[in-house]
Protein backbone atom coordinates (compact mmCIF):
# COMPACT_ATOMS: atom_id res chain seq x y z
CA MET A 1 42.01 -9.73 -17.45
CA ILE A 2 45.36 -9.18 -15.75
CA GLU A 3 45.43 -10.06 -12.09
CA THR A 4 47.28 -7.88 -9.87
CA LYS A 5 48.74 -8.48 -6.50
CA PRO A 6 48.81 -5.91 -3.75
CA GLN A 7 52.13 -4.29 -2.73
CA LYS A 8 52.74 -3.04 0.70
CA VAL A 9 52.56 0.76 0.55
CA TYR A 10 51.73 2.83 3.72
CA SER A 11 51.70 6.30 2.24
CA PHE A 12 50.75 8.08 -1.04
CA ASN A 13 54.65 8.87 -1.46
CA GLY A 14 55.50 5.55 -3.40
CA LEU A 15 52.42 5.73 -5.79
CA GLY A 16 53.81 7.92 -8.42
CA ILE A 17 51.50 10.88 -7.44
CA ALA A 18 52.83 14.51 -8.38
CA PRO A 19 54.38 16.57 -5.49
CA ARG A 20 51.83 19.18 -5.82
CA ILE A 21 48.99 16.86 -5.45
CA LEU A 22 50.82 14.98 -2.60
CA GLU A 23 50.98 18.53 -0.86
CA ILE A 24 47.20 19.00 -1.27
CA LEU A 25 46.46 15.50 0.07
CA THR A 26 48.58 16.20 3.07
CA GLU A 27 46.73 19.64 3.67
CA LEU A 28 43.39 17.67 3.56
CA GLY A 29 44.51 15.15 6.02
CA TYR A 30 44.81 12.11 3.36
CA LEU A 31 48.07 10.56 4.79
CA THR A 32 47.33 6.76 4.42
CA PRO A 33 45.79 5.38 1.23
CA THR A 34 43.12 2.72 1.48
CA PRO A 35 43.64 -0.58 -0.26
CA ILE A 36 41.75 0.15 -3.35
CA GLN A 37 43.66 3.57 -3.81
CA TRP A 38 47.08 2.15 -3.16
CA GLN A 39 46.32 -0.99 -5.71
CA SER A 40 44.62 1.17 -8.35
CA ILE A 41 46.59 4.45 -8.38
CA PRO A 42 49.97 3.33 -9.94
CA ALA A 43 48.09 1.29 -12.61
CA SER A 44 45.72 4.32 -13.65
CA LEU A 45 48.85 6.56 -13.59
CA ALA A 46 50.54 4.15 -15.91
CA GLY A 47 47.45 4.72 -18.20
CA LYS A 48 45.96 1.28 -18.03
CA ASP A 49 42.30 0.29 -18.31
CA LEU A 50 41.01 -0.79 -14.88
CA VAL A 51 38.28 -2.75 -13.30
CA GLY A 52 37.95 -2.03 -9.42
CA ILE A 53 35.63 -4.18 -7.43
CA ALA A 54 35.33 -2.69 -3.93
CA GLN A 55 32.31 -1.89 -1.74
CA THR A 56 31.05 1.52 -0.69
CA GLY A 57 33.18 3.44 1.70
CA THR A 58 36.49 2.02 0.56
CA GLY A 59 37.83 5.27 -0.94
CA LYS A 60 36.91 4.53 -4.77
CA THR A 61 36.29 8.23 -5.51
CA LEU A 62 39.82 9.18 -4.36
CA ALA A 63 41.16 6.20 -6.36
CA PHE A 64 39.97 7.57 -9.65
CA SER A 65 40.29 11.33 -8.95
CA ILE A 66 43.87 11.64 -8.18
CA PRO A 67 45.16 9.82 -11.40
CA MET A 68 42.57 11.75 -13.37
CA ILE A 69 43.44 15.01 -12.30
CA GLN A 70 47.19 14.31 -12.67
CA LEU A 71 46.88 12.91 -16.10
CA LEU A 72 44.68 15.66 -17.46
CA ALA A 73 47.18 18.29 -16.28
CA VAL A 74 49.67 16.89 -18.88
CA ARG A 75 47.23 15.66 -21.53
CA LYS A 76 44.90 17.44 -23.94
CA GLY A 77 41.31 16.41 -23.60
CA ARG A 78 39.10 16.06 -20.80
CA GLY A 79 37.67 13.62 -18.37
CA LEU A 80 34.04 12.02 -18.11
CA VAL A 81 32.67 10.56 -14.95
CA VAL A 82 29.36 8.61 -15.28
CA LEU A 83 27.41 7.75 -12.19
CA PRO A 84 23.78 6.55 -11.38
CA THR A 85 22.44 9.18 -9.01
CA ARG A 86 22.55 12.99 -8.64
CA GLU A 87 23.89 12.78 -4.98
CA LEU A 88 26.75 10.68 -6.17
CA ALA A 89 27.46 13.28 -8.96
CA LEU A 90 27.52 16.23 -6.59
CA GLN A 91 29.77 14.26 -4.19
CA VAL A 92 32.14 13.36 -6.75
CA ASP A 93 32.34 16.92 -8.05
CA GLU A 94 32.86 18.28 -4.46
CA HIS A 95 35.84 15.86 -3.98
CA LEU A 96 37.40 16.96 -7.37
CA LYS A 97 36.96 20.56 -6.52
CA ILE A 98 38.61 20.16 -3.16
CA ILE A 99 41.69 18.39 -4.72
CA GLY A 100 41.75 19.95 -8.24
CA GLY A 101 40.35 23.33 -7.52
CA LYS A 102 43.64 24.56 -6.09
CA ILE A 103 45.28 23.84 -9.53
CA GLY A 104 42.77 25.38 -11.64
CA LEU A 105 40.52 22.36 -12.28
CA ARG A 106 37.19 23.00 -13.79
CA THR A 107 34.18 20.99 -13.68
CA ALA A 108 30.72 20.72 -14.94
CA VAL A 109 27.83 18.67 -13.58
CA LEU A 110 25.07 17.34 -15.96
CA ILE A 111 22.17 15.80 -13.88
CA GLY A 112 18.58 15.76 -13.99
CA GLY A 113 16.55 18.07 -11.86
CA GLU A 114 18.61 21.18 -12.72
CA PRO A 115 17.93 23.65 -15.38
CA ILE A 116 19.71 22.98 -18.71
CA GLY A 117 20.67 26.76 -18.89
CA LYS A 118 23.01 26.41 -15.76
CA GLN A 119 24.51 23.24 -17.42
CA LEU A 120 25.09 24.93 -20.65
CA ASN A 121 26.78 27.78 -18.96
CA ALA A 122 29.13 25.37 -17.06
CA LEU A 123 29.90 23.68 -20.61
CA LYS A 124 30.80 26.88 -22.15
CA ARG A 125 33.48 27.48 -19.59
CA LYS A 126 35.20 24.38 -21.36
CA PRO A 127 35.56 22.03 -18.14
CA HIS A 128 38.46 19.70 -17.73
CA ILE A 129 36.00 17.02 -16.19
CA ILE A 130 32.36 16.34 -16.88
CA ILE A 131 30.35 14.67 -13.98
CA ALA A 132 27.07 13.27 -15.24
CA THR A 133 24.30 10.94 -14.69
CA PRO A 134 23.44 8.66 -17.86
CA GLY A 135 20.10 10.05 -18.93
CA ARG A 136 21.05 13.74 -18.83
CA LEU A 137 24.41 13.02 -20.55
CA VAL A 138 22.58 11.36 -23.43
CA ASP A 139 20.09 14.20 -23.45
CA HIS A 140 22.75 16.86 -24.10
CA ALA A 141 24.29 14.62 -26.61
CA GLN A 142 21.18 14.38 -28.45
CA ARG A 143 20.66 18.23 -28.20
CA ARG A 144 24.38 18.44 -29.51
CA THR A 145 25.20 20.68 -26.43
CA VAL A 146 28.06 18.51 -25.50
CA ASN A 147 30.87 16.89 -27.58
CA LEU A 148 32.37 13.63 -26.32
CA MET A 149 35.05 13.19 -28.95
CA ASP A 150 37.72 14.78 -26.69
CA VAL A 151 37.41 12.55 -23.80
CA LYS A 152 40.41 10.79 -22.93
CA ILE A 153 39.65 9.50 -19.51
CA LEU A 154 36.30 7.77 -18.87
CA ILE A 155 35.22 6.54 -15.33
CA LEU A 156 32.16 4.33 -14.92
CA ASP A 157 31.48 4.71 -11.26
CA GLU A 158 29.03 2.30 -9.26
CA ALA A 159 28.32 0.32 -12.53
CA ASP A 160 26.36 -2.33 -11.08
CA MET A 161 23.91 0.16 -9.65
CA MET A 162 23.54 1.75 -13.10
CA LEU A 163 22.66 -1.52 -14.50
CA ASP A 164 20.08 -2.24 -11.61
CA MET A 165 18.61 1.19 -12.58
CA GLY A 166 18.05 0.35 -16.07
CA PHE A 167 20.88 2.33 -17.60
CA LEU A 168 22.48 -0.16 -19.80
CA PRO A 169 21.16 1.38 -23.20
CA GLN A 170 22.34 4.84 -22.10
CA ILE A 171 25.86 3.38 -21.07
CA LYS A 172 26.22 1.65 -24.47
CA GLU A 173 25.30 4.94 -26.10
CA ILE A 174 27.83 6.86 -24.02
CA LEU A 175 30.57 4.36 -24.94
CA LYS A 176 29.59 4.77 -28.70
CA LEU A 177 30.05 8.49 -28.37
CA VAL A 178 33.50 8.70 -26.70
CA PRO A 179 36.81 7.90 -28.83
CA LYS A 180 38.10 4.38 -28.92
CA GLN A 181 41.31 5.53 -28.01
CA ARG A 182 41.02 6.33 -24.35
CA GLN A 183 41.66 5.22 -20.89
CA THR A 184 38.68 3.62 -19.17
CA MET A 185 38.12 2.86 -15.42
CA LEU A 186 35.22 1.04 -14.33
CA PHE A 187 34.28 0.78 -10.61
CA SER A 188 31.59 -1.69 -9.11
CA ALA A 189 30.66 -3.28 -5.88
CA THR A 190 29.80 -6.43 -7.78
CA MET A 191 30.70 -8.19 -10.89
CA PRO A 192 27.61 -9.27 -12.79
CA ASN A 193 27.90 -10.86 -16.35
CA GLN A 194 26.80 -7.63 -17.83
CA ILE A 195 29.59 -5.59 -16.52
CA ILE A 196 32.06 -8.51 -17.57
CA LYS A 197 30.75 -8.21 -20.95
CA ILE A 198 31.29 -4.50 -21.03
CA ALA A 199 34.58 -4.86 -19.82
CA SER A 200 35.56 -7.37 -22.53
CA GLU A 201 34.00 -5.41 -25.38
CA TYR A 202 34.81 -1.82 -24.57
CA MET A 203 38.09 -2.06 -22.58
CA ALA A 204 41.62 -2.87 -23.77
CA LEU A 205 42.97 -5.70 -21.33
CA PRO A 206 41.77 -4.09 -18.00
CA THR A 207 43.81 -4.52 -15.00
CA ARG A 208 41.19 -6.24 -12.35
CA ILE A 209 41.66 -5.21 -8.83
CA GLU A 210 39.35 -6.63 -6.12
CA VAL A 211 39.11 -5.15 -2.64
CA ALA A 212 36.37 -6.23 -0.33
CA PRO A 213 34.28 -8.32 -2.75
CA SER A 214 30.78 -8.57 -3.27
CA GLY A 215 29.15 -9.42 0.23
CA THR A 216 31.98 -8.21 2.33
CA ALA A 217 30.56 -5.98 5.03
CA ALA A 218 32.58 -3.71 7.17
CA GLU A 219 34.44 -5.32 9.81
CA ASN A 220 34.08 -2.47 12.26
CA VAL A 221 30.35 -2.42 12.07
CA GLU A 222 28.52 -4.04 14.85
CA GLN A 223 25.40 -5.71 13.39
CA GLU A 224 22.14 -6.65 15.24
CA ILE A 225 18.94 -8.11 14.02
CA ILE A 226 15.81 -7.27 16.13
CA VAL A 227 12.98 -9.64 15.59
CA ILE A 228 9.81 -7.49 16.25
CA ASP A 229 6.14 -7.44 15.12
CA ARG A 230 4.89 -4.47 13.04
CA GLU A 231 2.82 -2.81 15.91
CA SER A 232 5.91 -2.52 17.98
CA LYS A 233 8.36 -1.44 15.52
CA PHE A 234 7.94 2.53 15.83
CA GLY A 235 7.76 2.38 19.60
CA TYR A 236 11.17 0.58 19.68
CA LEU A 237 12.59 2.93 17.12
CA LYS A 238 11.78 5.63 19.27
CA ARG A 239 13.54 4.06 22.19
CA ILE A 240 16.59 3.70 20.06
CA LEU A 241 16.75 7.22 18.77
CA ALA A 242 16.48 8.51 22.43
CA GLU A 243 19.33 6.27 23.68
CA THR A 244 21.51 7.44 20.54
CA LYS A 245 23.14 10.82 20.64
CA GLY A 246 25.01 10.80 17.38
CA SER A 247 23.78 11.01 13.80
CA VAL A 248 21.30 8.20 12.60
CA LEU A 249 20.58 6.92 9.01
CA ILE A 250 17.30 5.00 8.75
CA PHE A 251 16.35 3.17 5.58
CA ALA A 252 12.89 2.10 4.59
CA ARG A 253 11.81 0.27 1.59
CA THR A 254 9.40 2.59 -0.34
CA LYS A 255 9.40 6.44 -0.65
CA HIS A 256 5.81 6.28 0.77
CA SER A 257 7.03 4.71 3.99
CA VAL A 258 10.17 7.02 4.10
CA LYS A 259 7.83 10.10 4.10
CA LYS A 260 5.40 8.72 6.60
CA LEU A 261 8.20 7.53 8.86
CA ALA A 262 9.89 10.90 8.78
CA GLN A 263 6.74 12.50 9.63
CA LYS A 264 6.24 10.41 12.74
CA ILE A 265 9.64 10.91 13.72
CA GLY A 266 9.37 14.43 13.64
CA GLN A 267 6.04 14.43 15.51
CA ALA A 268 7.74 12.32 18.13
CA GLY A 269 10.20 15.38 18.86
CA PHE A 270 13.25 14.34 16.83
CA SER A 271 14.85 16.47 14.13
CA ALA A 272 14.60 14.35 10.85
CA ALA A 273 15.06 14.88 7.02
CA GLU A 274 13.91 12.70 4.23
CA ILE A 275 15.46 11.72 0.89
CA HIS A 276 13.58 9.72 -1.79
CA SER A 277 12.86 9.98 -5.46
CA ASN A 278 9.73 12.08 -4.98
CA ARG A 279 11.90 14.78 -3.46
CA SER A 280 13.10 17.53 -5.83
CA LEU A 281 16.90 18.02 -6.32
CA GLY A 282 16.97 21.02 -4.10
CA GLN A 283 14.95 19.23 -1.32
CA ARG A 284 17.40 16.34 -1.37
CA ARG A 285 20.52 18.63 -1.39
CA MET A 286 19.03 20.63 1.44
CA ALA A 287 18.26 17.49 3.45
CA LEU A 288 21.64 15.96 2.99
CA ASN A 289 23.50 19.09 3.71
CA GLY A 290 21.22 19.67 6.84
CA PHE A 291 22.34 16.09 7.94
CA LYS A 292 25.99 16.62 7.23
CA LEU A 293 26.08 20.13 9.16
CA GLY A 294 23.95 18.59 12.05
CA GLN A 295 20.71 20.53 11.39
CA TYR A 296 18.97 17.14 11.38
CA ARG A 297 20.24 14.31 13.50
CA ILE A 298 18.18 11.71 11.68
CA LEU A 299 17.85 11.26 7.82
CA VAL A 300 15.38 8.63 6.39
CA ALA A 301 16.14 7.35 3.10
CA THR A 302 15.32 4.83 0.43
CA ASP A 303 17.82 2.60 -1.21
CA ILE A 304 18.55 5.29 -4.02
CA ALA A 305 20.58 6.89 -1.12
CA ALA A 306 22.45 3.83 0.16
CA ARG A 307 25.43 4.54 -2.25
CA GLY A 308 24.85 8.18 -2.53
CA ILE A 309 25.49 9.30 1.06
CA ASP A 310 28.95 10.14 2.01
CA VAL A 311 28.81 11.52 5.48
CA LYS A 312 31.46 11.07 8.15
CA GLU A 313 30.72 9.67 11.47
CA ILE A 314 27.31 8.29 11.22
CA GLU A 315 26.97 6.58 14.37
CA LEU A 316 24.19 4.18 13.55
CA VAL A 317 22.38 2.71 10.53
CA ILE A 318 18.75 1.36 11.19
CA ASN A 319 17.06 -0.93 8.51
CA TYR A 320 13.47 -0.08 9.51
CA ASP A 321 12.46 -2.40 6.60
CA LEU A 322 14.80 -4.98 5.29
CA PRO A 323 16.00 -4.37 1.60
CA GLU A 324 14.40 -6.38 -1.28
CA LYS A 325 18.00 -7.64 -2.23
CA SER A 326 20.54 -9.04 0.23
CA GLY A 327 23.28 -7.21 -1.56
CA ASP A 328 21.66 -3.78 -0.79
CA TYR A 329 22.05 -4.73 3.07
CA VAL A 330 25.80 -4.35 2.59
CA HIS A 331 25.55 -0.96 0.97
CA ARG A 332 23.27 0.19 3.62
CA ILE A 333 25.31 -0.69 6.69
CA GLY A 334 28.33 0.57 4.66
CA ARG A 335 27.09 4.17 5.49
CA THR A 336 28.66 3.80 9.06
CA GLY A 337 32.04 2.53 10.33
CA ARG A 338 33.77 4.38 7.48
CA ALA A 339 37.51 5.56 7.47
CA GLY A 340 38.64 3.10 9.89
CA LYS A 341 36.02 4.13 12.46
CA SER A 342 33.39 1.87 14.38
CA GLY A 343 29.87 2.09 13.72
CA LYS A 344 26.61 -0.05 14.39
CA ALA A 345 23.80 -1.19 12.36
CA ILE A 346 20.35 -2.56 13.69
CA SER A 347 17.71 -4.20 11.40
CA PHE A 348 14.14 -4.69 12.26
CA VAL A 349 12.87 -8.06 11.15
CA LEU A 350 9.39 -9.46 11.12
CA PRO A 351 8.84 -13.01 12.63
CA GLY A 352 8.19 -14.25 8.90
CA GLN A 353 11.32 -12.59 7.50
CA LEU A 354 14.09 -14.90 9.31
CA LYS A 355 14.63 -16.66 5.94
CA ASN A 356 15.93 -13.26 4.60
CA VAL A 357 18.39 -12.95 7.42
CA ARG A 358 19.70 -16.51 6.59
CA GLU A 359 20.37 -15.14 2.93
CA ILE A 360 22.17 -11.99 4.34
CA GLU A 361 24.26 -14.20 6.62
CA ARG A 362 25.25 -16.52 3.67
CA LEU A 363 26.25 -13.52 1.62
CA ILE A 364 28.40 -11.79 4.12
CA SER A 365 29.70 -15.27 5.63
CA LYS A 366 28.70 -14.24 9.12
CA THR A 367 26.20 -15.22 11.88
CA LEU A 368 24.37 -12.14 12.96
CA LYS A 369 23.30 -11.46 16.55
CA ILE A 370 19.54 -11.95 16.82
CA ASN A 371 17.43 -10.45 19.62
CA LYS A 372 13.64 -10.94 19.82
CA ILE A 373 11.51 -8.22 21.03
CA ALA A 374 8.26 -9.05 22.86
CA PRO A 375 5.15 -7.72 21.31
CA ASP A 376 4.00 -4.29 22.62
CA HIS A 377 0.25 -4.84 23.49
CA ASN A 378 -0.15 -1.10 24.27
CA ALA A 379 1.06 -0.05 20.67
CA SER A 380 -1.31 1.50 18.47
CA ARG A 381 -2.85 -0.83 15.83
CA GLU A 382 -2.03 1.96 13.28
CA SER A 383 1.39 1.59 11.90
CA ILE A 384 3.70 1.59 8.84
CA ASP A 385 4.07 -1.81 7.53
CA ILE A 386 7.05 -2.99 5.42
CA ALA A 387 5.16 -2.04 2.24
CA GLY A 388 4.63 1.47 3.38
CA GLN A 389 0.76 0.93 3.87
CA ARG A 390 -1.29 1.87 6.70
CA ARG A 391 -2.29 -1.14 8.92
CA GLY A 392 -4.90 -0.66 11.65
CA ALA A 393 -7.80 -2.24 13.45
CA ARG A 394 -10.00 -3.72 10.93
CA THR A 395 -13.77 -4.87 11.63
CA ASN A 396 -15.58 -6.52 8.90
CA PHE A 397 -19.18 -7.46 9.34
CA SER A 398 -21.04 -9.71 6.95
CA ARG A 399 -24.49 -11.46 7.06
CA LYS A 400 -25.33 -14.79 5.40
CA PHE A 401 -28.87 -16.08 5.41
CA LYS A 402 -30.46 -19.27 4.53
CA SER A 403 -33.98 -18.29 3.28
CA PHE A 404 -36.40 -15.50 3.41
CA ASP A 405 -40.02 -16.20 4.29
CA LYS A 406 -42.14 -13.73 2.36
CA ASN A 407 -45.21 -14.62 4.50
CA LYS A 408 -43.51 -14.26 7.91
CA LYS A 409 -41.67 -11.04 6.36
CA ARG A 410 -38.68 -12.16 8.08
CA PHE A 411 -35.60 -14.18 7.76
CA VAL A 412 -35.75 -17.81 8.78
CA GLY A 413 -32.93 -19.95 10.14
CA ASP A 414 -30.53 -16.95 9.75
CA SER A 415 -26.99 -17.41 10.50
CA PHE A 416 -25.22 -14.10 11.66
CA ASN A 417 -21.48 -14.30 11.00
CA LYS A 418 -19.32 -11.52 12.96
CA SER A 419 -15.95 -11.95 11.25
CA ARG A 420 -12.44 -10.57 11.87
CA GLY A 421 -9.69 -12.61 10.38
CA PRO A 422 -9.72 -16.01 8.60
CA ARG A 423 -12.96 -17.71 8.02
CA ASN A 424 -12.22 -20.57 10.02
CA GLN A 425 -11.99 -18.45 13.11
CA ARG A 426 -15.37 -16.62 12.65
CA ARG A 427 -17.92 -16.72 15.46
CA SER A 428 -21.28 -17.93 14.37
CA TYR A 429 -24.66 -17.08 15.95
CA ASN A 430 -27.93 -19.10 15.30
CA TYR A 431 -30.99 -17.59 16.05
CA ALA A 432 -34.50 -19.53 16.29
CA PRO A 433 -37.65 -17.83 15.27
CA ARG A 434 -39.41 -16.09 18.08
CA PRO A 435 -43.19 -16.88 18.73
CA MET A 436 -45.61 -14.63 16.93
CA THR A 437 -47.79 -12.28 18.83
CA ASP A 438 -51.71 -12.38 18.40
CA LYS A 439 -51.57 -9.30 16.31
CA GLU A 440 -49.07 -10.92 13.85
CA LYS A 441 -51.21 -14.10 13.63
CA PHE A 442 -54.47 -12.04 12.92
CA ARG A 443 -52.58 -10.19 10.23
CA ARG A 444 -51.34 -13.60 8.68
CA SER A 445 -54.94 -14.94 8.56
CA MET A 446 -56.19 -11.84 6.79
CA LEU A 447 -53.30 -12.08 4.28
CA ARG A 448 -54.29 -15.72 3.52
CA GLY A 449 -57.90 -14.95 3.18
CA ARG A 450 -57.27 -12.61 0.51
CA MET A 451 -55.27 -15.14 -1.55
């Protein structure tokens, strides 16, 4: 790959962008390009294949949207944008319409969860750009409802996330369906071996541009680690939510824990919405739009939304559960502190998870501020743990007996174990046989006489 050196450019004027698009950018308030934009736009406008490595919130969408709109205005053919999630597809479509809608740009969104008929109608209007998730795009190709042989510009956005979600077979199928003579731009937060292989096999001497490489967290995000036990987590969360006036994005590990946590937050008197894979596309869209418009101050989400939420001015990100992968920590906190503004990220960590914190620190090359919260002994024993399961007071009674005397009709030398917790902490109570009454002695003698 050809390495590029950044050039000092402080506005969009020197990047080769068409005057009409510059006017639109000025009207929309885009005056200063981000590093990924001012490094990638000139190479893209020159028709070069490009690999852009940058974290979320660095302006990648605009970096490929501007060149694609400008090039398609003078070229025959269409553009194709492939992304991992529905939310990302809808947001890219929104960006393209804002910029290209004023010059007659038509788009079609092909994603799961929407009726095929609606998408067929959009394809009949001969869109200039198709935005699609891999699975639904391959589905259309198999139905022969879309022809990709006229694709001149291909964008693979959030490529590493698509690989993590298991879309590699679909990506390879799409690369076979598009013409070999095309311009390809690949954007990713990380550069695993599979992406290097895709770039070498399916791209023509791509220019590599790296801005904020893997593990780079936003400098203007204040990060804090809270070491806390499970039973105290929700009580401390309520305290933080009461003290925070702006919008809050909360991440939990599983869809089950997201649902339960959103319910508990609502019951505590806060307005909250939830996004996870069990929600329909309409429900996810309503939740995200409600969060953007201020209808919901709090949004609870799984990692599927970490790179799919583009909401301005999120004041606080809370990791109620630590992510499974350290790299996802960077994507999560990247939802705040965007566009040069400051933000804050708080992560709840169980006492036994400090090794995970060390992994995150090694990844971001930064020592995190750690505060320990004393256990809340008044907290309810019933809470949502890191796996999304209920954990409450548990009492387990078990009896173990040494022997049973048939003649005495009772247990002899019995050992009663009342257990709660590890076996070595169980309390044992040993009972000696009580003296027999005269009636019991007479009954025993009668039984022996019969024998």
